[in-house]
């Protein structure tokens, strides 16, 4: 099962400040519900864990995220990752492409394209709308956390 999600959010900080936040996995993971940074493999590769819950189903995925593109000049970040459920009942692969655009009058517009491919039990038991709605809820929580964190720390 594949899902594509396109989202945008705005923050009051300039693109440089937002960039510094979004390319720092230790800061980003604090805004992802159920996520934990496990290991920094190198400057572009990270291992982590994320837990999800959809109704009666829950899973804990362990995997790797890699920065494929870090284009500070054009404010573009692309990453890919994959993970497996700890009980080996499912797998997930993702790609995420983000661009930052300075807003007229200040602040930053962040545009995100997320592609997720699910396999195993999660994909077998849950259909697109449920997963898509859950992903949107997580995204809204993430963006609220990013905005609040940037407002506090810049």
N, C-alpha and C. Protein backbone atom coordinates (compact mmCIF):
# COMPACT_ATOMS: atom_id res chain seq x y z
N UNK A 1 0.86 -1.17 0.00
CA UNK A 1 0.00 0.00 0.00
C UNK A 1 0.90 1.23 0.00
N UNK A 2 0.62 2.17 -0.89
CA UNK A 2 1.39 3.42 -0.97
C UNK A 2 0.48 4.61 -0.68
N UNK A 3 1.04 5.57 -0.01
CA UNK A 3 0.32 6.79 0.34
C UNK A 3 1.21 7.97 -0.01
N UNK A 4 0.60 9.00 -0.58
CA UNK A 4 1.32 10.24 -0.86
C UNK A 4 0.59 11.37 -0.14
N UNK A 5 1.35 12.15 0.60
CA UNK A 5 0.78 13.25 1.37
C UNK A 5 1.51 14.53 1.01
N UNK A 6 0.75 15.56 0.66
CA UNK A 6 1.31 16.87 0.37
C UNK A 6 0.77 17.83 1.43
N UNK A 7 1.67 18.52 2.11
CA UNK A 7 1.29 19.42 3.19
C UNK A 7 2.13 20.70 3.11
N UNK A 8 1.62 21.74 3.73
CA UNK A 8 2.36 22.99 3.90
C UNK A 8 2.08 23.51 5.30
N UNK A 9 3.06 24.23 5.84
CA UNK A 9 2.84 24.94 7.09
C UNK A 9 3.71 26.18 7.12
N UNK A 10 3.31 27.12 7.93
CA UNK A 10 4.05 28.38 8.04
C UNK A 10 4.56 28.58 9.45
N UNK A 11 5.74 29.17 9.54
CA UNK A 11 6.32 29.56 10.82
C UNK A 11 6.83 30.98 10.70
N UNK A 12 7.00 31.62 11.82
CA UNK A 12 7.40 33.03 11.83
C UNK A 12 8.90 33.24 11.62
N UNK A 13 9.71 32.19 11.78
CA UNK A 13 11.16 32.33 11.66
C UNK A 13 11.58 32.34 10.19
N UNK A 14 12.79 32.85 9.95
CA UNK A 14 13.30 32.93 8.58
C UNK A 14 13.75 31.54 8.10
N UNK A 15 13.90 31.37 6.78
CA UNK A 15 14.27 30.05 6.25
C UNK A 15 15.56 29.49 6.84
N UNK A 16 16.54 30.33 7.15
CA UNK A 16 17.78 29.83 7.74
C UNK A 16 17.55 29.18 9.09
N UNK A 17 16.72 29.79 9.92
CA UNK A 17 16.42 29.22 11.23
C UNK A 17 15.63 27.92 11.09
N UNK A 18 14.68 27.89 10.18
CA UNK A 18 13.88 26.68 9.96
C UNK A 18 14.76 25.57 9.41
N UNK A 19 15.64 25.92 8.47
CA UNK A 19 16.58 24.95 7.91
C UNK A 19 17.41 24.31 9.01
N UNK A 20 17.99 25.14 9.88
CA UNK A 20 18.84 24.61 10.95
C UNK A 20 18.08 23.62 11.82
N UNK A 21 16.81 23.87 12.04
CA UNK A 21 15.99 22.95 12.83
C UNK A 21 15.75 21.65 12.06
N UNK A 22 15.31 21.76 10.80
CA UNK A 22 14.89 20.58 10.04
C UNK A 22 16.01 19.63 9.67
N UNK A 23 17.25 20.10 9.68
CA UNK A 23 18.37 19.21 9.36
C UNK A 23 19.08 18.69 10.61
N UNK A 24 18.48 18.92 11.77
CA UNK A 24 19.03 18.44 13.04
C UNK A 24 18.14 17.33 13.59
N UNK A 25 18.49 16.07 13.32
CA UNK A 25 17.63 14.96 13.73
C UNK A 25 17.33 14.94 15.23
N UNK A 26 18.26 15.36 16.05
CA UNK A 26 18.02 15.36 17.49
C UNK A 26 16.89 16.32 17.87
N UNK A 27 16.77 17.42 17.15
CA UNK A 27 15.68 18.37 17.41
C UNK A 27 14.38 17.91 16.78
N UNK A 28 14.46 17.41 15.55
CA UNK A 28 13.26 16.98 14.84
C UNK A 28 12.56 15.84 15.56
N UNK A 29 13.33 14.87 16.03
CA UNK A 29 12.73 13.68 16.64
C UNK A 29 11.90 14.03 17.88
N UNK A 30 12.23 15.12 18.54
CA UNK A 30 11.44 15.54 19.71
C UNK A 30 10.03 15.98 19.32
N UNK A 31 9.84 16.29 18.05
CA UNK A 31 8.52 16.72 17.58
C UNK A 31 7.75 15.60 16.89
N UNK A 32 8.31 14.42 16.82
CA UNK A 32 7.63 13.28 16.19
C UNK A 32 7.09 12.37 17.29
N UNK A 33 5.78 12.31 17.43
CA UNK A 33 5.20 11.48 18.48
C UNK A 33 5.66 10.02 18.38
N UNK A 34 6.13 9.48 19.48
CA UNK A 34 6.54 8.08 19.53
C UNK A 34 7.89 7.79 18.91
N UNK A 35 8.68 8.82 18.55
CA UNK A 35 9.97 8.60 17.88
C UNK A 35 11.14 8.79 18.84
N UNK A 36 12.23 8.11 18.49
CA UNK A 36 13.45 8.20 19.29
C UNK A 36 14.65 8.04 18.37
N UNK A 37 15.63 8.92 18.52
CA UNK A 37 16.89 8.81 17.78
C UNK A 37 17.76 7.81 18.52
N UNK A 38 18.22 6.77 17.82
CA UNK A 38 18.99 5.70 18.44
C UNK A 38 20.48 5.88 18.20
N UNK A 39 20.85 6.24 16.96
CA UNK A 39 22.27 6.29 16.62
C UNK A 39 22.50 7.23 15.45
N UNK A 40 23.58 7.97 15.50
CA UNK A 40 24.04 8.77 14.38
C UNK A 40 25.12 7.94 13.69
N UNK A 41 24.79 7.42 12.51
CA UNK A 41 25.73 6.56 11.78
C UNK A 41 26.82 7.42 11.14
N UNK A 42 26.42 8.48 10.48
CA UNK A 42 27.34 9.48 9.92
C UNK A 42 26.55 10.78 9.80
N UNK A 43 27.13 11.80 9.17
CA UNK A 43 26.48 13.11 9.14
C UNK A 43 25.19 13.14 8.33
N UNK A 44 24.92 12.09 7.56
CA UNK A 44 23.70 12.04 6.75
C UNK A 44 22.81 10.84 7.06
N UNK A 45 23.23 9.95 7.92
CA UNK A 45 22.50 8.70 8.15
C UNK A 45 22.25 8.51 9.64
N UNK A 46 21.00 8.15 9.96
CA UNK A 46 20.58 8.04 11.35
C UNK A 46 19.70 6.81 11.54
N UNK A 47 19.82 6.20 12.69
CA UNK A 47 18.94 5.09 13.04
C UNK A 47 18.00 5.55 14.13
N UNK A 48 16.77 5.06 14.05
CA UNK A 48 15.80 5.47 15.04
C UNK A 48 14.68 4.48 15.20
N UNK A 49 13.76 4.83 16.09
CA UNK A 49 12.58 4.01 16.36
C UNK A 49 11.37 4.92 16.36
N UNK A 50 10.25 4.36 15.94
CA UNK A 50 8.99 5.09 16.00
C UNK A 50 7.88 4.08 16.29
N UNK A 51 7.03 4.46 17.19
CA UNK A 51 5.87 3.63 17.51
C UNK A 51 4.62 4.27 16.94
N UNK A 52 3.72 3.44 16.43
CA UNK A 52 2.46 3.94 15.90
C UNK A 52 1.31 3.13 16.49
N UNK A 53 0.17 3.76 16.53
CA UNK A 53 -1.04 3.09 17.01
C UNK A 53 -2.20 3.51 16.11
N UNK A 54 -2.87 2.52 15.55
CA UNK A 54 -4.06 2.74 14.73
C UNK A 54 -5.15 1.84 15.27
N UNK A 55 -6.08 2.41 16.01
CA UNK A 55 -7.12 1.59 16.62
C UNK A 55 -6.49 0.54 17.50
N UNK A 56 -6.84 -0.74 17.31
CA UNK A 56 -6.28 -1.78 18.15
C UNK A 56 -4.88 -2.23 17.74
N UNK A 57 -4.39 -1.73 16.60
CA UNK A 57 -3.09 -2.15 16.09
C UNK A 57 -2.01 -1.19 16.56
N UNK A 58 -0.91 -1.75 17.03
CA UNK A 58 0.26 -0.92 17.35
C UNK A 58 1.50 -1.63 16.82
N UNK A 59 2.49 -0.85 16.49
CA UNK A 59 3.74 -1.40 15.98
C UNK A 59 4.87 -0.46 16.37
N UNK A 60 6.03 -1.05 16.54
CA UNK A 60 7.25 -0.28 16.82
C UNK A 60 8.23 -0.59 15.70
N UNK A 61 8.57 0.43 14.94
CA UNK A 61 9.47 0.26 13.80
C UNK A 61 10.86 0.77 14.16
N UNK A 62 11.88 0.01 13.74
CA UNK A 62 13.26 0.42 13.86
C UNK A 62 13.81 0.53 12.45
N UNK A 63 14.51 1.63 12.18
CA UNK A 63 14.98 1.79 10.81
C UNK A 63 16.03 2.87 10.66
N UNK A 64 16.29 3.20 9.42
CA UNK A 64 17.34 4.15 9.05
C UNK A 64 16.74 5.25 8.19
N UNK A 65 17.18 6.46 8.45
CA UNK A 65 16.83 7.64 7.63
C UNK A 65 18.14 8.20 7.07
N UNK A 66 18.09 8.58 5.81
CA UNK A 66 19.27 9.14 5.16
C UNK A 66 18.91 10.45 4.46
N UNK A 67 19.71 11.49 4.67
CA UNK A 67 19.55 12.74 3.93
C UNK A 67 20.11 12.51 2.53
N UNK A 68 19.25 12.53 1.53
CA UNK A 68 19.68 12.36 0.15
C UNK A 68 20.11 13.69 -0.47
N UNK A 69 19.39 14.76 -0.13
CA UNK A 69 19.71 16.10 -0.64
C UNK A 69 19.68 17.07 0.53
N UNK A 70 20.76 17.81 0.69
CA UNK A 70 20.84 18.92 1.65
C UNK A 70 21.31 20.14 0.87
N UNK A 71 20.37 20.87 0.32
CA UNK A 71 20.67 22.02 -0.54
C UNK A 71 20.30 23.30 0.23
N UNK A 72 21.23 23.77 1.04
CA UNK A 72 20.96 24.94 1.88
C UNK A 72 20.64 26.18 1.05
N UNK A 73 21.36 26.36 -0.06
CA UNK A 73 21.18 27.55 -0.89
C UNK A 73 19.74 27.66 -1.41
N UNK A 74 19.18 26.53 -1.82
CA UNK A 74 17.81 26.51 -2.34
C UNK A 74 16.79 26.06 -1.30
N UNK A 75 17.25 25.88 -0.08
CA UNK A 75 16.38 25.48 1.04
C UNK A 75 15.56 24.23 0.71
N UNK A 76 16.26 23.18 0.27
CA UNK A 76 15.60 21.92 -0.05
C UNK A 76 16.27 20.78 0.71
N UNK A 77 15.44 19.96 1.32
CA UNK A 77 15.90 18.77 2.03
C UNK A 77 15.12 17.58 1.50
N UNK A 78 15.82 16.54 1.09
CA UNK A 78 15.17 15.30 0.69
C UNK A 78 15.80 14.17 1.48
N UNK A 79 14.95 13.28 1.96
CA UNK A 79 15.45 12.14 2.71
C UNK A 79 14.65 10.90 2.36
N UNK A 80 15.25 9.77 2.67
CA UNK A 80 14.57 8.50 2.46
C UNK A 80 14.87 7.61 3.66
N UNK A 81 14.00 6.65 3.86
CA UNK A 81 14.20 5.76 4.98
C UNK A 81 13.41 4.49 4.86
N UNK A 82 13.75 3.55 5.70
CA UNK A 82 13.01 2.30 5.76
C UNK A 82 13.14 1.72 7.15
N UNK A 83 12.14 0.93 7.51
CA UNK A 83 12.16 0.32 8.83
C UNK A 83 11.33 -0.95 8.85
N UNK A 84 11.56 -1.73 9.90
CA UNK A 84 10.82 -2.96 10.11
C UNK A 84 10.23 -2.95 11.49
N UNK A 85 9.07 -3.57 11.60
CA UNK A 85 8.42 -3.74 12.88
C UNK A 85 9.26 -4.69 13.75
N UNK A 86 9.36 -4.39 15.03
CA UNK A 86 10.16 -5.20 15.94
C UNK A 86 9.71 -6.66 15.97
N UNK A 87 8.42 -6.89 15.73
CA UNK A 87 7.90 -8.27 15.72
C UNK A 87 7.95 -8.88 14.33
N UNK A 88 8.59 -8.16 13.40
CA UNK A 88 8.76 -8.62 12.02
C UNK A 88 7.43 -8.90 11.33
N UNK A 89 6.42 -8.08 11.63
CA UNK A 89 5.11 -8.26 11.00
C UNK A 89 4.83 -7.20 9.94
N UNK A 90 5.75 -6.29 9.75
CA UNK A 90 5.52 -5.25 8.75
C UNK A 90 6.76 -4.45 8.46
N UNK A 91 6.68 -3.68 7.40
CA UNK A 91 7.79 -2.83 6.99
C UNK A 91 7.24 -1.54 6.41
N UNK A 92 8.07 -0.52 6.45
CA UNK A 92 7.70 0.78 5.91
C UNK A 92 8.91 1.36 5.17
N UNK A 93 8.64 2.01 4.05
CA UNK A 93 9.67 2.76 3.32
C UNK A 93 9.08 4.14 3.06
N UNK A 94 9.92 5.16 3.13
CA UNK A 94 9.42 6.51 2.94
C UNK A 94 10.43 7.37 2.22
N UNK A 95 9.88 8.41 1.59
CA UNK A 95 10.72 9.49 1.06
C UNK A 95 10.01 10.79 1.43
N UNK A 96 10.80 11.78 1.74
CA UNK A 96 10.26 13.07 2.15
C UNK A 96 11.07 14.15 1.46
N UNK A 97 10.37 15.08 0.85
CA UNK A 97 11.02 16.19 0.16
C UNK A 97 10.41 17.47 0.70
N UNK A 98 11.25 18.33 1.28
CA UNK A 98 10.78 19.59 1.87
C UNK A 98 11.48 20.76 1.20
N UNK A 99 10.73 21.83 0.97
CA UNK A 99 11.31 23.08 0.49
C UNK A 99 10.83 24.21 1.38
N UNK A 100 11.70 25.16 1.59
CA UNK A 100 11.41 26.32 2.42
C UNK A 100 11.40 27.55 1.53
N UNK A 101 10.37 28.38 1.72
CA UNK A 101 10.27 29.59 0.94
C UNK A 101 10.00 30.76 1.88
N UNK A 102 10.81 31.81 1.73
CA UNK A 102 10.59 32.99 2.56
C UNK A 102 9.28 33.65 2.16
N UNK A 103 8.46 33.95 3.15
CA UNK A 103 7.18 34.61 2.90
C UNK A 103 7.40 36.12 2.80
N UNK A 104 6.61 36.74 1.96
CA UNK A 104 6.63 38.19 1.88
C UNK A 104 6.17 38.72 3.23
N UNK A 105 6.91 39.60 3.81
CA UNK A 105 6.56 40.13 5.13
C UNK A 105 7.20 39.35 6.27
N UNK A 106 7.96 38.30 5.96
CA UNK A 106 8.67 37.55 6.98
C UNK A 106 8.10 36.17 7.21
N UNK A 107 8.91 35.35 7.83
CA UNK A 107 8.50 33.98 8.11
C UNK A 107 8.82 33.06 6.95
N UNK A 108 8.43 31.80 7.11
CA UNK A 108 8.76 30.77 6.14
C UNK A 108 7.56 29.88 5.86
N UNK A 109 7.37 29.57 4.59
CA UNK A 109 6.41 28.57 4.16
C UNK A 109 7.18 27.29 3.91
N UNK A 110 6.80 26.20 4.57
CA UNK A 110 7.44 24.90 4.40
C UNK A 110 6.48 24.01 3.61
N UNK A 111 6.93 23.52 2.47
CA UNK A 111 6.14 22.59 1.65
C UNK A 111 6.76 21.21 1.75
N UNK A 112 5.90 20.21 1.96
CA UNK A 112 6.38 18.84 2.20
C UNK A 112 5.63 17.87 1.29
N UNK A 113 6.39 16.98 0.67
CA UNK A 113 5.83 15.85 -0.06
C UNK A 113 6.36 14.59 0.61
N UNK A 114 5.45 13.80 1.16
CA UNK A 114 5.79 12.56 1.86
C UNK A 114 5.19 11.39 1.10
N UNK A 115 6.01 10.42 0.79
CA UNK A 115 5.55 9.18 0.16
C UNK A 115 5.89 8.03 1.11
N UNK A 116 4.89 7.23 1.42
CA UNK A 116 5.07 6.12 2.35
C UNK A 116 4.55 4.85 1.68
N UNK A 117 5.34 3.80 1.80
CA UNK A 117 4.93 2.49 1.29
C UNK A 117 4.93 1.52 2.47
N UNK A 118 3.78 0.91 2.70
CA UNK A 118 3.60 -0.02 3.82
C UNK A 118 3.53 -1.44 3.30
N UNK A 119 4.06 -2.36 4.09
CA UNK A 119 3.98 -3.78 3.75
C UNK A 119 3.71 -4.56 5.02
N UNK A 120 3.12 -5.72 4.86
CA UNK A 120 2.87 -6.58 6.01
C UNK A 120 1.52 -6.33 6.64
N UNK A 121 1.43 -6.63 7.91
CA UNK A 121 0.16 -6.59 8.64
C UNK A 121 -0.50 -5.21 8.61
N UNK A 122 0.27 -4.16 8.79
CA UNK A 122 -0.29 -2.81 8.78
C UNK A 122 -0.98 -2.52 7.46
N UNK A 123 -0.34 -2.86 6.37
CA UNK A 123 -0.93 -2.62 5.04
C UNK A 123 -2.12 -3.54 4.79
N UNK A 124 -2.07 -4.74 5.31
CA UNK A 124 -3.13 -5.71 5.06
C UNK A 124 -4.43 -5.37 5.79
N UNK A 125 -4.33 -4.80 6.99
CA UNK A 125 -5.51 -4.59 7.81
C UNK A 125 -6.09 -3.19 7.76
N UNK A 126 -5.33 -2.22 7.30
CA UNK A 126 -5.81 -0.84 7.33
C UNK A 126 -5.80 -0.24 5.94
N UNK A 127 -6.91 0.34 5.58
CA UNK A 127 -7.06 0.91 4.26
C UNK A 127 -6.59 2.36 4.24
N UNK A 128 -6.41 2.86 3.05
CA UNK A 128 -5.85 4.19 2.81
C UNK A 128 -6.41 5.33 3.63
N UNK A 129 -7.75 5.54 3.69
CA UNK A 129 -8.27 6.70 4.42
C UNK A 129 -7.88 6.72 5.90
N UNK A 130 -7.88 5.57 6.55
CA UNK A 130 -7.50 5.52 7.96
C UNK A 130 -6.03 5.90 8.14
N UNK A 131 -5.18 5.34 7.33
CA UNK A 131 -3.75 5.64 7.42
C UNK A 131 -3.50 7.10 7.05
N UNK A 132 -4.15 7.56 6.00
CA UNK A 132 -3.97 8.95 5.56
C UNK A 132 -4.41 9.92 6.67
N UNK A 133 -5.54 9.67 7.30
CA UNK A 133 -6.01 10.53 8.39
C UNK A 133 -5.05 10.50 9.57
N UNK A 134 -4.53 9.33 9.90
CA UNK A 134 -3.55 9.23 10.98
C UNK A 134 -2.28 10.01 10.64
N UNK A 135 -1.83 9.90 9.39
CA UNK A 135 -0.64 10.63 8.96
C UNK A 135 -0.86 12.13 9.04
N UNK A 136 -2.03 12.60 8.66
CA UNK A 136 -2.33 14.04 8.75
C UNK A 136 -2.34 14.50 10.21
N UNK A 137 -2.89 13.69 11.11
CA UNK A 137 -2.90 14.05 12.53
C UNK A 137 -1.48 14.15 13.07
N UNK A 138 -0.64 13.19 12.72
CA UNK A 138 0.76 13.22 13.17
C UNK A 138 1.46 14.43 12.59
N UNK A 139 1.20 14.73 11.31
CA UNK A 139 1.83 15.89 10.68
C UNK A 139 1.42 17.18 11.38
N UNK A 140 0.14 17.31 11.71
CA UNK A 140 -0.32 18.53 12.40
C UNK A 140 0.33 18.66 13.77
N UNK A 141 0.47 17.55 14.49
CA UNK A 141 1.15 17.59 15.79
C UNK A 141 2.61 17.97 15.61
N UNK A 142 3.24 17.41 14.57
CA UNK A 142 4.64 17.72 14.29
C UNK A 142 4.82 19.21 13.99
N UNK A 143 3.98 19.75 13.10
CA UNK A 143 4.14 21.16 12.71
C UNK A 143 3.85 22.10 13.88
N UNK A 144 2.89 21.76 14.73
CA UNK A 144 2.63 22.57 15.91
C UNK A 144 3.84 22.57 16.85
N UNK A 145 4.46 21.43 17.01
CA UNK A 145 5.65 21.32 17.85
C UNK A 145 6.81 22.10 17.25
N UNK A 146 7.00 21.99 15.94
CA UNK A 146 8.07 22.74 15.27
C UNK A 146 7.88 24.23 15.48
N UNK A 147 6.67 24.71 15.23
CA UNK A 147 6.38 26.15 15.39
C UNK A 147 6.61 26.60 16.83
N UNK A 148 6.16 25.82 17.80
CA UNK A 148 6.32 26.19 19.21
C UNK A 148 7.80 26.15 19.60
N UNK A 149 8.53 25.14 19.14
CA UNK A 149 9.95 25.04 19.48
C UNK A 149 10.74 26.19 18.87
N UNK A 150 10.46 26.49 17.61
CA UNK A 150 11.16 27.61 16.96
C UNK A 150 10.82 28.94 17.62
N UNK A 151 9.58 29.09 18.06
CA UNK A 151 9.19 30.33 18.74
C UNK A 151 9.96 30.50 20.05
N UNK A 152 10.24 29.39 20.73
CA UNK A 152 11.00 29.45 22.00
C UNK A 152 12.47 29.62 21.79
N UNK A 153 13.03 28.89 20.79
CA UNK A 153 14.48 28.81 20.67
C UNK A 153 15.06 29.48 19.44
N UNK A 154 14.21 29.74 18.43
CA UNK A 154 14.70 30.34 17.19
C UNK A 154 15.39 29.37 16.40
